[in-house]
Amino acid sequence: MAIYPIGVVVLFWWSVASLSMLCVVFPITLLLPHLGQLVGIILALLAIPALAVPLQLAAPWFFGWYGIAVGLMFGRFTAASAKEKALAESIRAYRTRAI
């Protein structure tokens, strides 16, 4: 059952990443008819790192949580227990600093 809430959160963050990519691609597509072909190619090449950054940031997080969910489905609780302990410790540390 853990895979469903994790999947919803992952889909949310992938949609946020795709919207940030859209903010890069959409202006380029609007400018292409008014610019020369060389300038369009240069803009497209400069946009590749801007498109890759959200994927590079989201992929380790996605695969980490997805791996934990798959492990839970197959009865492996070690990674989930370790993540739970780490999250509980970070929440405890946050509460200590907040007070």
Protein backbone atom coordinates (compact mmCIF):
# COMPACT_ATOMS: atom_id res chain seq x y z
CA MET A 1 0.00 0.00 0.00
CA ALA A 2 2.93 2.36 0.50
CA ILE A 3 3.54 2.62 -3.22
CA TYR A 4 0.33 4.59 -3.83
CA PRO A 5 0.99 7.64 -1.60
CA ILE A 6 4.61 7.69 -2.73
CA GLY A 7 3.44 7.52 -6.36
CA VAL A 8 1.09 10.47 -5.83
CA VAL A 9 3.86 12.59 -4.32
CA VAL A 10 6.29 11.57 -7.07
CA LEU A 11 3.76 12.44 -9.78
CA PHE A 12 3.23 15.82 -8.13
CA TRP A 13 6.95 16.62 -8.15
CA TRP A 14 7.38 15.35 -11.71
CA SER A 15 4.57 17.69 -12.76
CA VAL A 16 6.32 20.57 -11.00
CA ALA A 17 9.54 19.66 -12.82
CA SER A 18 7.72 19.49 -16.15
CA LEU A 19 6.17 22.91 -15.54
CA SER A 20 9.60 24.35 -14.88
CA MET A 21 10.77 22.78 -18.14
CA LEU A 22 7.78 24.26 -19.91
CA CYS A 23 8.84 27.71 -18.70
CA VAL A 24 12.08 27.21 -20.63
CA VAL A 25 10.75 25.52 -23.76
CA PHE A 26 7.64 27.65 -24.34
CA PRO A 27 9.44 31.02 -24.79
CA ILE A 28 11.94 29.38 -27.15
CA THR A 29 9.14 28.00 -29.33
CA LEU A 30 7.52 31.44 -29.41
CA LEU A 31 10.77 33.11 -30.43
CA LEU A 32 11.85 30.61 -33.11
CA PRO A 33 9.76 32.04 -36.01
CA HIS A 34 11.13 35.53 -35.37
CA LEU A 35 14.77 34.56 -34.99
CA GLY A 36 17.19 33.03 -37.40
CA GLN A 37 17.77 29.29 -37.53
CA LEU A 38 21.25 29.56 -35.98
CA VAL A 39 19.94 31.55 -33.01
CA GLY A 40 17.20 28.98 -32.54
CA ILE A 41 19.73 26.16 -32.47
CA ILE A 42 21.86 28.07 -29.96
CA LEU A 43 18.84 28.69 -27.73
CA ALA A 44 17.86 25.02 -27.91
CA LEU A 45 21.39 23.93 -26.95
CA LEU A 46 21.43 26.35 -24.03
CA ALA A 47 18.07 25.00 -22.87
CA ILE A 48 19.31 21.42 -22.54
CA PRO A 49 20.99 22.02 -19.13
CA ALA A 50 17.89 23.88 -17.95
CA LEU A 51 15.80 20.85 -18.86
CA ALA A 52 18.18 18.34 -17.30
CA VAL A 53 18.55 20.00 -13.89
CA PRO A 54 15.05 19.16 -12.57
CA LEU A 55 15.45 15.57 -13.73
CA GLN A 56 18.85 15.27 -12.03
CA LEU A 57 17.41 16.63 -8.81
CA ALA A 58 14.27 14.48 -8.84
CA ALA A 59 15.67 11.15 -10.03
CA PRO A 60 17.65 10.14 -6.89
CA TRP A 61 14.74 11.09 -4.66
CA PHE A 62 12.28 9.22 -6.86
CA PHE A 63 14.30 6.04 -7.12
CA GLY A 64 15.12 6.07 -3.40
CA TRP A 65 11.48 6.22 -2.33
CA TYR A 66 10.39 3.88 -5.08
CA GLY A 67 13.00 1.35 -3.99
CA ILE A 68 11.72 1.53 -0.42
CA ALA A 69 8.13 1.00 -1.59
CA VAL A 70 9.12 -1.99 -3.74
CA GLY A 71 11.08 -3.42 -0.82
CA LEU A 72 8.02 -3.11 1.40
CA MET A 73 5.94 -4.91 -1.18
CA PHE A 74 8.37 -7.84 -1.07
CA GLY A 75 8.66 -7.89 2.73
CA ARG A 76 11.99 -6.10 3.15
CA PHE A 77 11.66 -3.60 5.97
CA THR A 78 15.30 -2.61 6.60
CA ALA A 79 15.41 0.38 4.24
CA ALA A 80 12.00 1.59 5.38
CA SER A 81 13.00 1.28 9.04
CA ALA A 82 16.22 3.19 8.42
CA LYS A 83 14.34 5.94 6.57
CA GLU A 84 11.74 6.09 9.34
CA LYS A 85 14.46 6.48 11.99
CA ALA A 86 16.18 9.21 9.95
CA LEU A 87 12.92 11.09 9.45
CA ALA A 88 11.99 10.78 13.13
CA GLU A 89 15.43 12.10 14.11
CA SER A 90 15.18 15.06 11.74
CA ILE A 91 11.69 15.88 13.05
CA ARG A 92 12.95 15.67 16.63
CA ALA A 93 15.90 17.94 15.79
CA TYR A 94 13.58 20.42 14.08
CA ARG A 95 11.26 20.52 17.08
CA THR A 96 14.21 21.05 19.39
CA ARG A 97 15.43 24.01 17.34
CA ALA A 98 11.92 25.45 16.96
CA ILE A 99 11.31 25.62 20.71
